[in-house]
Amino acid sequence: MLFSLREVLLLRFKVPIFFGLLLGTGIVSMIGIQFVFNIGAVTGCMPITGVPLPLISYGGSSMLVCLAGIGILLSISRERNRLRNMKRISQS
């Protein structure tokens, strides 16, 4: 989970569109905060808040929002690659 969050963080800094950067930052923050709160509650460092662990715990609406966010991140990545390929083709 931490490895994938690191990759997503690196992706969001490489996005040429400012809105994509803001959207990626918000989605990664949402998933990361859920992860930190859940792990903190399980280890006893934080009070139990009832936040499900992203992609692991069963929470219907939370799972739906998390998967929709991941889909948006994949779309941002695809757009970044498309723009990079168009730039590369126009330069050659």
N, C-alpha and C. Protein backbone atom coordinates (compact mmCIF):
# COMPACT_ATOMS: atom_id res chain seq x y z
N MET A 1 0.82 -1.19 0.00
CA MET A 1 0.00 0.00 0.00
C MET A 1 0.86 1.26 0.00
N LEU A 2 1.91 1.27 0.82
CA LEU A 2 2.77 2.45 0.88
C LEU A 2 3.52 2.65 -0.43
N PHE A 3 3.92 1.55 -1.09
CA PHE A 3 4.62 1.66 -2.37
C PHE A 3 3.71 2.28 -3.41
N SER A 4 2.47 1.85 -3.45
CA SER A 4 1.55 2.40 -4.44
C SER A 4 1.24 3.86 -4.16
N LEU A 5 1.14 4.26 -2.89
CA LEU A 5 0.93 5.67 -2.57
C LEU A 5 2.12 6.52 -3.01
N ARG A 6 3.33 5.96 -2.87
CA ARG A 6 4.52 6.68 -3.31
C ARG A 6 4.50 6.89 -4.81
N GLU A 7 4.11 5.87 -5.56
CA GLU A 7 4.04 5.98 -7.02
C GLU A 7 2.98 7.00 -7.44
N VAL A 8 1.86 7.02 -6.76
CA VAL A 8 0.81 7.97 -7.09
C VAL A 8 1.26 9.39 -6.76
N LEU A 9 1.97 9.57 -5.66
CA LEU A 9 2.49 10.89 -5.33
C LEU A 9 3.47 11.38 -6.39
N LEU A 10 4.33 10.48 -6.87
CA LEU A 10 5.25 10.87 -7.94
C LEU A 10 4.50 11.19 -9.22
N LEU A 11 3.45 10.45 -9.52
CA LEU A 11 2.65 10.70 -10.72
C LEU A 11 2.02 12.08 -10.66
N ARG A 12 1.48 12.43 -9.51
CA ARG A 12 0.72 13.69 -9.46
C ARG A 12 1.63 14.89 -9.64
N PHE A 13 2.92 14.80 -9.34
CA PHE A 13 3.84 15.91 -9.56
C PHE A 13 4.27 16.04 -11.02
N LYS A 14 4.05 15.01 -11.83
CA LYS A 14 4.44 15.03 -13.23
C LYS A 14 3.30 15.43 -14.16
N VAL A 15 2.16 15.80 -13.60
CA VAL A 15 0.99 16.14 -14.41
C VAL A 15 1.14 17.57 -14.92
N PRO A 16 1.02 17.78 -16.26
CA PRO A 16 1.19 19.13 -16.79
C PRO A 16 -0.03 20.03 -16.59
N ILE A 17 -1.18 19.47 -16.26
CA ILE A 17 -2.40 20.25 -16.09
C ILE A 17 -2.60 20.52 -14.60
N PHE A 18 -2.79 21.79 -14.24
CA PHE A 18 -2.88 22.18 -12.84
C PHE A 18 -4.08 21.54 -12.15
N PHE A 19 -5.22 21.45 -12.85
CA PHE A 19 -6.40 20.83 -12.25
C PHE A 19 -6.13 19.36 -11.93
N GLY A 20 -5.41 18.65 -12.81
CA GLY A 20 -5.05 17.26 -12.54
C GLY A 20 -4.16 17.13 -11.32
N LEU A 21 -3.28 18.10 -11.14
CA LEU A 21 -2.40 18.10 -9.96
C LEU A 21 -3.23 18.27 -8.69
N LEU A 22 -4.17 19.21 -8.71
CA LEU A 22 -5.01 19.44 -7.52
C LEU A 22 -5.91 18.24 -7.24
N LEU A 23 -6.50 17.68 -8.29
CA LEU A 23 -7.38 16.53 -8.13
C LEU A 23 -6.61 15.32 -7.61
N GLY A 24 -5.43 15.08 -8.17
CA GLY A 24 -4.60 13.97 -7.71
C GLY A 24 -4.16 14.14 -6.26
N THR A 25 -3.83 15.36 -5.89
CA THR A 25 -3.44 15.64 -4.51
C THR A 25 -4.59 15.35 -3.55
N GLY A 26 -5.80 15.76 -3.93
CA GLY A 26 -6.96 15.53 -3.07
C GLY A 26 -7.28 14.05 -2.91
N ILE A 27 -7.22 13.31 -4.00
CA ILE A 27 -7.55 11.88 -3.94
C ILE A 27 -6.51 11.12 -3.14
N VAL A 28 -5.23 11.43 -3.37
CA VAL A 28 -4.17 10.75 -2.61
C VAL A 28 -4.27 11.11 -1.13
N SER A 29 -4.59 12.36 -0.83
CA SER A 29 -4.76 12.77 0.57
C SER A 29 -5.92 12.03 1.23
N MET A 30 -7.03 11.90 0.50
CA MET A 30 -8.19 11.20 1.04
C MET A 30 -7.85 9.75 1.40
N ILE A 31 -7.21 9.05 0.48
CA ILE A 31 -6.87 7.65 0.73
C ILE A 31 -5.79 7.54 1.80
N GLY A 32 -4.81 8.43 1.77
CA GLY A 32 -3.74 8.40 2.76
C GLY A 32 -4.21 8.68 4.17
N ILE A 33 -5.12 9.64 4.32
CA ILE A 33 -5.64 9.96 5.65
C ILE A 33 -6.49 8.81 6.19
N GLN A 34 -7.28 8.17 5.33
CA GLN A 34 -8.04 7.00 5.76
C GLN A 34 -7.09 5.90 6.23
N PHE A 35 -6.01 5.71 5.49
CA PHE A 35 -5.02 4.68 5.84
C PHE A 35 -4.39 4.98 7.19
N VAL A 36 -3.96 6.22 7.40
CA VAL A 36 -3.30 6.60 8.66
C VAL A 36 -4.26 6.49 9.84
N PHE A 37 -5.49 6.97 9.68
CA PHE A 37 -6.47 6.88 10.78
C PHE A 37 -6.77 5.43 11.14
N ASN A 38 -6.94 4.57 10.13
CA ASN A 38 -7.26 3.18 10.41
C ASN A 38 -6.10 2.47 11.10
N ILE A 39 -4.90 2.64 10.58
CA ILE A 39 -3.73 1.99 11.19
C ILE A 39 -3.50 2.53 12.61
N GLY A 40 -3.69 3.83 12.80
CA GLY A 40 -3.56 4.41 14.14
C GLY A 40 -4.57 3.84 15.12
N ALA A 41 -5.80 3.63 14.66
CA ALA A 41 -6.84 3.06 15.54
C ALA A 41 -6.55 1.60 15.86
N VAL A 42 -6.06 0.85 14.89
CA VAL A 42 -5.77 -0.57 15.11
C VAL A 42 -4.59 -0.75 16.06
N THR A 43 -3.58 0.10 15.95
CA THR A 43 -2.42 -0.03 16.83
C THR A 43 -2.64 0.61 18.20
N GLY A 44 -3.73 1.35 18.38
CA GLY A 44 -4.02 1.95 19.67
C GLY A 44 -3.43 3.33 19.86
N CYS A 45 -2.83 3.89 18.83
CA CYS A 45 -2.24 5.23 18.93
C CYS A 45 -3.28 6.34 18.83
N MET A 46 -4.41 6.04 18.21
CA MET A 46 -5.48 7.03 18.00
C MET A 46 -6.79 6.41 18.47
N PRO A 47 -7.76 7.25 18.78
CA PRO A 47 -9.06 6.69 19.16
C PRO A 47 -9.74 6.04 17.95
N ILE A 48 -10.57 5.07 18.21
CA ILE A 48 -11.25 4.34 17.14
C ILE A 48 -12.29 5.28 16.52
N THR A 49 -12.18 5.48 15.19
CA THR A 49 -13.06 6.42 14.50
C THR A 49 -14.03 5.72 13.55
N GLY A 50 -13.81 4.48 13.23
CA GLY A 50 -14.70 3.76 12.32
C GLY A 50 -14.38 3.98 10.86
N VAL A 51 -13.19 4.51 10.54
CA VAL A 51 -12.79 4.73 9.15
C VAL A 51 -12.25 3.41 8.61
N PRO A 52 -12.81 2.90 7.50
CA PRO A 52 -12.32 1.63 6.96
C PRO A 52 -10.97 1.78 6.28
N LEU A 53 -10.21 0.71 6.27
CA LEU A 53 -8.92 0.68 5.58
C LEU A 53 -9.17 0.64 4.08
N PRO A 54 -8.58 1.58 3.32
CA PRO A 54 -8.86 1.62 1.88
C PRO A 54 -8.47 0.32 1.17
N LEU A 55 -9.36 -0.18 0.34
CA LEU A 55 -9.20 -1.37 -0.49
C LEU A 55 -9.10 -2.68 0.29
N ILE A 56 -9.19 -2.65 1.60
CA ILE A 56 -9.07 -3.86 2.41
C ILE A 56 -10.36 -4.10 3.19
N SER A 57 -10.75 -3.14 4.03
CA SER A 57 -11.93 -3.28 4.86
C SER A 57 -13.19 -3.17 4.02
N TYR A 58 -14.24 -3.81 4.48
CA TYR A 58 -15.51 -3.74 3.77
C TYR A 58 -16.30 -2.55 4.27
N GLY A 59 -16.49 -1.60 3.40
CA GLY A 59 -17.36 -0.46 3.66
C GLY A 59 -17.94 -0.08 2.31
N GLY A 60 -19.21 -0.26 2.11
CA GLY A 60 -19.81 -0.12 0.79
C GLY A 60 -19.55 1.21 0.12
N SER A 61 -19.96 2.30 0.76
CA SER A 61 -19.80 3.61 0.13
C SER A 61 -18.34 4.03 0.12
N SER A 62 -17.59 3.67 1.14
CA SER A 62 -16.17 4.01 1.18
C SER A 62 -15.41 3.30 0.07
N MET A 63 -15.73 2.04 -0.15
CA MET A 63 -15.09 1.29 -1.23
C MET A 63 -15.42 1.89 -2.58
N LEU A 64 -16.66 2.29 -2.77
CA LEU A 64 -17.09 2.88 -4.03
C LEU A 64 -16.34 4.18 -4.30
N VAL A 65 -16.24 5.04 -3.31
CA VAL A 65 -15.54 6.32 -3.46
C VAL A 65 -14.05 6.09 -3.70
N CYS A 66 -13.46 5.13 -2.99
CA CYS A 66 -12.04 4.83 -3.16
C CYS A 66 -11.75 4.31 -4.57
N LEU A 67 -12.57 3.41 -5.07
CA LEU A 67 -12.37 2.87 -6.41
C LEU A 67 -12.61 3.94 -7.47
N ALA A 68 -13.58 4.83 -7.26
CA ALA A 68 -13.80 5.93 -8.19
C ALA A 68 -12.59 6.86 -8.21
N GLY A 69 -12.01 7.13 -7.05
CA GLY A 69 -10.81 7.95 -6.97
C GLY A 69 -9.64 7.33 -7.69
N ILE A 70 -9.47 6.03 -7.55
CA ILE A 70 -8.39 5.34 -8.24
C ILE A 70 -8.61 5.38 -9.75
N GLY A 71 -9.86 5.27 -10.17
CA GLY A 71 -10.17 5.39 -11.59
C GLY A 71 -9.81 6.78 -12.13
N ILE A 72 -10.08 7.81 -11.36
CA ILE A 72 -9.72 9.16 -11.77
C ILE A 72 -8.21 9.32 -11.84
N LEU A 73 -7.48 8.74 -10.88
CA LEU A 73 -6.02 8.79 -10.92
C LEU A 73 -5.48 8.08 -12.16
N LEU A 74 -6.08 6.95 -12.53
CA LEU A 74 -5.66 6.27 -13.76
C LEU A 74 -5.94 7.12 -14.99
N SER A 75 -7.04 7.83 -14.99
CA SER A 75 -7.36 8.72 -16.10
C SER A 75 -6.35 9.87 -16.19
N ILE A 76 -5.96 10.42 -15.06
CA ILE A 76 -4.94 11.48 -15.04
C ILE A 76 -3.63 10.94 -15.61
N SER A 77 -3.26 9.72 -15.21
CA SER A 77 -2.03 9.11 -15.72
C SER A 77 -2.10 8.89 -17.22
N ARG A 78 -3.24 8.42 -17.71
CA ARG A 78 -3.40 8.18 -19.14
C ARG A 78 -3.29 9.50 -19.92
N GLU A 79 -3.89 10.56 -19.39
CA GLU A 79 -3.83 11.87 -20.05
C GLU A 79 -2.40 12.40 -20.08
N ARG A 80 -1.67 12.21 -18.99
CA ARG A 80 -0.28 12.65 -18.94
C ARG A 80 0.54 11.93 -19.99
N ASN A 81 0.35 10.61 -20.11
CA ASN A 81 1.09 9.84 -21.11
C ASN A 81 0.70 10.25 -22.53
N ARG A 82 -0.58 10.55 -22.74
CA ARG A 82 -1.03 10.96 -24.07
C ARG A 82 -0.40 12.29 -24.46
N LEU A 83 -0.37 13.25 -23.53
CA LEU A 83 0.24 14.55 -23.82
C LEU A 83 1.74 14.42 -24.06
N ARG A 84 2.39 13.55 -23.28
CA ARG A 84 3.82 13.35 -23.46
C ARG A 84 4.12 12.73 -24.82
N ASN A 85 3.31 11.77 -25.26
CA ASN A 85 3.52 11.14 -26.56
C ASN A 85 3.25 12.12 -27.69
N MET A 86 2.23 12.96 -27.56
CA MET A 86 1.95 13.96 -28.59
C MET A 86 3.08 14.95 -28.70
N LYS A 87 3.66 15.35 -27.57
CA LYS A 87 4.79 16.27 -27.57
C LYS A 87 6.00 15.63 -28.24
N ARG A 88 6.23 14.36 -27.95
CA ARG A 88 7.36 13.64 -28.52
C ARG A 88 7.19 13.50 -30.04
N ILE A 89 5.98 13.24 -30.50
CA ILE A 89 5.73 13.09 -31.93
C ILE A 89 5.90 14.44 -32.65
N SER A 90 5.44 15.52 -32.04
CA SER A 90 5.55 16.83 -32.68
C SER A 90 7.00 17.32 -32.75
N GLN A 91 7.84 16.88 -31.84
CA GLN A 91 9.24 17.28 -31.86
C GLN A 91 10.06 16.54 -32.91
N SER A 92 9.60 15.34 -33.29
CA SER A 92 10.38 14.57 -34.27
C SER A 92 9.92 14.80 -35.68
